[in-house]
Amino acid sequence: MDWIVELIEKQKEMSKDYREIALLEAVAQYIQEQDQRIDSLNGQLEGKMWSPSNW
């Protein structure tokens, strides 16, 4: 998802409107948080797949 954040950063640099910059910043932060959640859940899933007690 880094490519999305890069696009948002480029758009922020081009924008002169404070509201648009604030919105783009919030969207970038939300995307990064979702990416962290996905990584965490992938780790949990992998752990459960390799745990014989969860089979």
PDB file of N, CA and C in Angstrom:
ATOM      1  N   MET A   1       0.809  -1.196   0.000  1.00  0.00           N
ATOM      2  CA  MET A   1       0.000   0.000   0.000  1.00  0.00           C
ATOM      3  C   MET A   1       0.854   1.263   0.000  1.00  0.00           C
ATOM      4  N   ASP A   2       2.142   1.069  -0.057  1.00  0.00           N
ATOM      5  CA  ASP A   2       3.029   2.233  -0.060  1.00  0.00           C
ATOM      6  C   ASP A   2       2.795   3.123  -1.274  1.00  0.00           C
ATOM      7  N   TRP A   3       2.413   2.523  -2.376  1.00  0.00           N
ATOM      8  CA  TRP A   3       2.207   3.320  -3.590  1.00  0.00           C
ATOM      9  C   TRP A   3       1.055   4.300  -3.415  1.00  0.00           C
ATOM     10  N   ILE A   4       0.035   3.894  -2.664  1.00  0.00           N
ATOM     11  CA  ILE A   4      -1.099   4.791  -2.434  1.00  0.00           C
ATOM     12  C   ILE A   4      -0.654   5.978  -1.578  1.00  0.00           C
ATOM     13  N   VAL A   5       0.108   5.684  -0.543  1.00  0.00           N
ATOM     14  CA  VAL A   5       0.587   6.740   0.344  1.00  0.00           C
ATOM     15  C   VAL A   5       1.498   7.700  -0.431  1.00  0.00           C
ATOM     16  N   GLU A   6       2.320   7.165  -1.333  1.00  0.00           N
ATOM     17  CA  GLU A   6       3.176   8.022  -2.151  1.00  0.00           C
ATOM     18  C   GLU A   6       2.345   8.954  -3.030  1.00  0.00           C
ATOM     19  N   LEU A   7       1.284   8.429  -3.626  1.00  0.00           N
ATOM     20  CA  LEU A   7       0.405   9.270  -4.443  1.00  0.00           C
ATOM     21  C   LEU A   7      -0.252  10.363  -3.607  1.00  0.00           C
ATOM     22  N   ILE A   8      -0.670   9.996  -2.410  1.00  0.00           N
ATOM     23  CA  ILE A   8      -1.296  10.977  -1.520  1.00  0.00           C
ATOM     24  C   ILE A   8      -0.293  12.071  -1.152  1.00  0.00           C
ATOM     25  N   GLU A   9       0.943  11.673  -0.855  1.00  0.00           N
ATOM     26  CA  GLU A   9       1.971  12.657  -0.505  1.00  0.00           C
ATOM     27  C   GLU A   9       2.235  13.615  -1.669  1.00  0.00           C
ATOM     28  N   LYS A  10       2.285  13.089  -2.879  1.00  0.00           N
ATOM     29  CA  LYS A  10       2.488  13.951  -4.050  1.00  0.00           C
ATOM     30  C   LYS A  10       1.331  14.937  -4.204  1.00  0.00           C
ATOM     31  N   GLN A  11       0.116  14.439  -3.987  1.00  0.00           N
ATOM     32  CA  GLN A  11      -1.050  15.313  -4.103  1.00  0.00           C
ATOM     33  C   GLN A  11      -1.033  16.394  -3.021  1.00  0.00           C
ATOM     34  N   LYS A  12      -0.602  16.023  -1.816  1.00  0.00           N
ATOM     35  CA  LYS A  12      -0.494  17.011  -0.735  1.00  0.00           C
ATOM     36  C   LYS A  12       0.486  18.117  -1.093  1.00  0.00           C
ATOM     37  N   GLU A  13       1.601  17.752  -1.717  1.00  0.00           N
ATOM     38  CA  GLU A  13       2.602  18.746  -2.099  1.00  0.00           C
ATOM     39  C   GLU A  13       2.059  19.712  -3.148  1.00  0.00           C
ATOM     40  N   MET A  14       1.194  19.225  -4.021  1.00  0.00           N
ATOM     41  CA  MET A  14       0.649  20.065  -5.086  1.00  0.00           C
ATOM     42  C   MET A  14      -0.525  20.915  -4.616  1.00  0.00           C
ATOM     43  N   SER A  15      -1.167  20.495  -3.547  1.00  0.00           N
ATOM     44  CA  SER A  15      -2.365  21.187  -3.085  1.00  0.00           C
ATOM     45  C   SER A  15      -2.019  22.457  -2.309  1.00  0.00           C
ATOM     46  N   LYS A  16      -2.877  23.438  -2.452  1.00  0.00           N
ATOM     47  CA  LYS A  16      -2.727  24.684  -1.699  1.00  0.00           C
ATOM     48  C   LYS A  16      -3.891  24.880  -0.723  1.00  0.00           C
ATOM     49  N   ASP A  17      -4.858  23.996  -0.790  1.00  0.00           N
ATOM     50  CA  ASP A  17      -6.049  24.099   0.051  1.00  0.00           C
ATOM     51  C   ASP A  17      -5.823  23.336   1.361  1.00  0.00           C
ATOM     52  N   TYR A  18      -5.932  24.043   2.478  1.00  0.00           N
ATOM     53  CA  TYR A  18      -5.691  23.430   3.788  1.00  0.00           C
ATOM     54  C   TYR A  18      -6.623  22.250   4.040  1.00  0.00           C
ATOM     55  N   ARG A  19      -7.899  22.397   3.672  1.00  0.00           N
ATOM     56  CA  ARG A  19      -8.862  21.315   3.922  1.00  0.00           C
ATOM     57  C   ARG A  19      -8.503  20.061   3.134  1.00  0.00           C
ATOM     58  N   GLU A  20      -8.068  20.240   1.903  1.00  0.00           N
ATOM     59  CA  GLU A  20      -7.674  19.092   1.087  1.00  0.00           C
ATOM     60  C   GLU A  20      -6.433  18.418   1.665  1.00  0.00           C
ATOM     61  N   ILE A  21      -5.474  19.217   2.100  1.00  0.00           N
ATOM     62  CA  ILE A  21      -4.259  18.663   2.699  1.00  0.00           C
ATOM     63  C   ILE A  21      -4.604  17.882   3.966  1.00  0.00           C
ATOM     64  N   ALA A  22      -5.482  18.425   4.791  1.00  0.00           N
ATOM     65  CA  ALA A  22      -5.894  17.744   6.023  1.00  0.00           C
ATOM     66  C   ALA A  22      -6.600  16.431   5.706  1.00  0.00           C
ATOM     67  N   LEU A  23      -7.457  16.450   4.702  1.00  0.00           N
ATOM     68  CA  LEU A  23      -8.162  15.228   4.303  1.00  0.00           C
ATOM     69  C   LEU A  23      -7.181  14.182   3.790  1.00  0.00           C
ATOM     70  N   LEU A  24      -6.264  14.596   2.944  1.00  0.00           N
ATOM     71  CA  LEU A  24      -5.274  13.660   2.409  1.00  0.00           C
ATOM     72  C   LEU A  24      -4.405  13.080   3.518  1.00  0.00           C
ATOM     73  N   GLU A  25      -4.046  13.900   4.490  1.00  0.00           N
ATOM     74  CA  GLU A  25      -3.254  13.416   5.626  1.00  0.00           C
ATOM     75  C   GLU A  25      -4.034  12.367   6.421  1.00  0.00           C
ATOM     76  N   ALA A  26      -5.313  12.623   6.644  1.00  0.00           N
ATOM     77  CA  ALA A  26      -6.149  11.669   7.378  1.00  0.00           C
ATOM     78  C   ALA A  26      -6.293  10.361   6.604  1.00  0.00           C
ATOM     79  N   VAL A  27      -6.462  10.455   5.304  1.00  0.00           N
ATOM     80  CA  VAL A  27      -6.585   9.250   4.477  1.00  0.00           C
ATOM     81  C   VAL A  27      -5.284   8.449   4.505  1.00  0.00           C
ATOM     82  N   ALA A  28      -4.150   9.125   4.399  1.00  0.00           N
ATOM     83  CA  ALA A  28      -2.855   8.442   4.442  1.00  0.00           C
ATOM     84  C   ALA A  28      -2.664   7.731   5.778  1.00  0.00           C
ATOM     85  N   GLN A  29      -3.036   8.391   6.857  1.00  0.00           N
ATOM     86  CA  GLN A  29      -2.912   7.779   8.183  1.00  0.00           C
ATOM     87  C   GLN A  29      -3.825   6.561   8.301  1.00  0.00           C
ATOM     88  N   TYR A  30      -5.048   6.676   7.800  1.00  0.00           N
ATOM     89  CA  TYR A  30      -6.002   5.569   7.837  1.00  0.00           C
ATOM     90  C   TYR A  30      -5.468   4.371   7.049  1.00  0.00           C
ATOM     91  N   ILE A  31      -4.908   4.624   5.889  1.00  0.00           N
ATOM     92  CA  ILE A  31      -4.363   3.545   5.063  1.00  0.00           C
ATOM     93  C   ILE A  31      -3.210   2.858   5.785  1.00  0.00           C
ATOM     94  N   GLN A  32      -2.342   3.625   6.423  1.00  0.00           N
ATOM     95  CA  GLN A  32      -1.226   3.039   7.153  1.00  0.00           C
ATOM     96  C   GLN A  32      -1.712   2.201   8.336  1.00  0.00           C
ATOM     97  N   GLU A  33      -2.742   2.664   9.031  1.00  0.00           N
ATOM     98  CA  GLU A  33      -3.304   1.896  10.144  1.00  0.00           C
ATOM     99  C   GLU A  33      -3.917   0.590   9.645  1.00  0.00           C
ATOM    100  N   GLN A  34      -4.620   0.650   8.530  1.00  0.00           N
ATOM    101  CA  GLN A  34      -5.214  -0.560   7.970  1.00  0.00           C
ATOM    102  C   GLN A  34      -4.127  -1.542   7.539  1.00  0.00           C
ATOM    103  N   ASP A  35      -3.043  -1.045   6.990  1.00  0.00           N
ATOM    104  CA  ASP A  35      -1.936  -1.895   6.576  1.00  0.00           C
ATOM    105  C   ASP A  35      -1.334  -2.608   7.788  1.00  0.00           C
ATOM    106  N   GLN A  36      -1.206  -1.892   8.906  1.00  0.00           N
ATOM    107  CA  GLN A  36      -0.696  -2.509  10.131  1.00  0.00           C
ATOM    108  C   GLN A  36      -1.656  -3.582  10.640  1.00  0.00           C
ATOM    109  N   ARG A  37      -2.948  -3.322  10.571  1.00  0.00           N
ATOM    110  CA  ARG A  37      -3.940  -4.315  11.007  1.00  0.00           C
ATOM    111  C   ARG A  37      -3.881  -5.563  10.139  1.00  0.00           C
ATOM    112  N   ILE A  38      -3.730  -5.368   8.845  1.00  0.00           N
ATOM    113  CA  ILE A  38      -3.635  -6.509   7.930  1.00  0.00           C
ATOM    114  C   ILE A  38      -2.410  -7.350   8.268  1.00  0.00           C
ATOM    115  N   ASP A  39      -1.263  -6.705   8.500  1.00  0.00           N
ATOM    116  CA  ASP A  39      -0.049  -7.434   8.867  1.00  0.00           C
ATOM    117  C   ASP A  39      -0.251  -8.213  10.160  1.00  0.00           C
ATOM    118  N   SER A  40      -0.887  -7.588  11.133  1.00  0.00           N
ATOM    119  CA  SER A  40      -1.135  -8.241  12.415  1.00  0.00           C
ATOM    120  C   SER A  40      -2.043  -9.458  12.250  1.00  0.00           C
ATOM    121  N   LEU A  41      -3.111  -9.287  11.496  1.00  0.00           N
ATOM    122  CA  LEU A  41      -4.038 -10.399  11.289  1.00  0.00           C
ATOM    123  C   LEU A  41      -3.408 -11.516  10.471  1.00  0.00           C
ATOM    124  N   ASN A  42      -2.545 -11.176   9.526  1.00  0.00           N
ATOM    125  CA  ASN A  42      -1.829 -12.210   8.779  1.00  0.00           C
ATOM    126  C   ASN A  42      -0.949 -13.024   9.717  1.00  0.00           C
ATOM    127  N   GLY A  43      -0.292 -12.358  10.658  1.00  0.00           N
ATOM    128  CA  GLY A  43       0.529 -13.055  11.637  1.00  0.00           C
ATOM    129  C   GLY A  43      -0.299 -13.965  12.526  1.00  0.00           C
ATOM    130  N   GLN A  44      -1.466 -13.496  12.956  1.00  0.00           N
ATOM    131  CA  GLN A  44      -2.346 -14.325  13.774  1.00  0.00           C
ATOM    132  C   GLN A  44      -2.823 -15.544  12.999  1.00  0.00           C
ATOM    133  N   LEU A  45      -3.183 -15.340  11.749  1.00  0.00           N
ATOM    134  CA  LEU A  45      -3.652 -16.444  10.920  1.00  0.00           C
ATOM    135  C   LEU A  45      -2.553 -17.472  10.716  1.00  0.00           C
ATOM    136  N   GLU A  46      -1.352 -17.005  10.440  1.00  0.00           N
ATOM    137  CA  GLU A  46      -0.233 -17.919  10.246  1.00  0.00           C
ATOM    138  C   GLU A  46       0.046 -18.706  11.526  1.00  0.00           C
ATOM    139  N   GLY A  47      -0.021 -18.032  12.672  1.00  0.00           N
ATOM    140  CA  GLY A  47       0.193 -18.712  13.943  1.00  0.00           C
ATOM    141  C   GLY A  47      -0.847 -19.782  14.205  1.00  0.00           C
ATOM    142  N   LYS A  48      -2.098 -19.514  13.883  1.00  0.00           N
ATOM    143  CA  LYS A  48      -3.158 -20.499  14.084  1.00  0.00           C
ATOM    144  C   LYS A  48      -3.027 -21.667  13.123  1.00  0.00           C
ATOM    145  N   MET A  49      -2.559 -21.395  11.913  1.00  0.00           N
ATOM    146  CA  MET A  49      -2.409 -22.470  10.933  1.00  0.00           C
ATOM    147  C   MET A  49      -1.336 -23.460  11.364  1.00  0.00           C
ATOM    148  N   TRP A  50      -0.310 -22.987  12.063  1.00  0.00           N
ATOM    149  CA  TRP A  50       0.795 -23.847  12.452  1.00  0.00           C
ATOM    150  C   TRP A  50       0.646 -24.398  13.869  1.00  0.00           C
ATOM    151  N   SER A  51      -0.436 -24.089  14.533  1.00  0.00           N
ATOM    152  CA  SER A  51      -0.648 -24.580  15.892  1.00  0.00           C
ATOM    153  C   SER A  51      -1.526 -25.834  15.852  1.00  0.00           C
ATOM    154  N   PRO A  52      -0.968 -27.003  16.196  1.00  0.00           N
ATOM    155  CA  PRO A  52      -1.755 -28.248  16.145  1.00  0.00           C
ATOM    156  C   PRO A  52      -3.001 -28.209  17.024  1.00  0.00           C
ATOM    157  N   SER A  53      -2.975 -27.450  18.109  1.00  0.00           N
ATOM    158  CA  SER A  53      -4.151 -27.399  18.986  1.00  0.00           C
ATOM    159  C   SER A  53      -5.323 -26.691  18.317  1.00  0.00           C
ATOM    160  N   ASN A  54      -5.070 -25.924  17.278  1.00  0.00           N
ATOM    161  CA  ASN A  54      -6.136 -25.214  16.571  1.00  0.00           C
ATOM    162  C   ASN A  54      -6.605 -25.934  15.313  1.00  0.00           C
ATOM    163  N   TRP A  55      -6.085 -27.129  15.069  1.00  0.00           N
ATOM    164  CA  TRP A  55      -6.509 -27.870  13.888  1.00  0.00           C
ATOM    165  C   TRP A  55      -7.811 -28.493  14.205  1.00  0.00           C
TER     166      TRP A  55
END
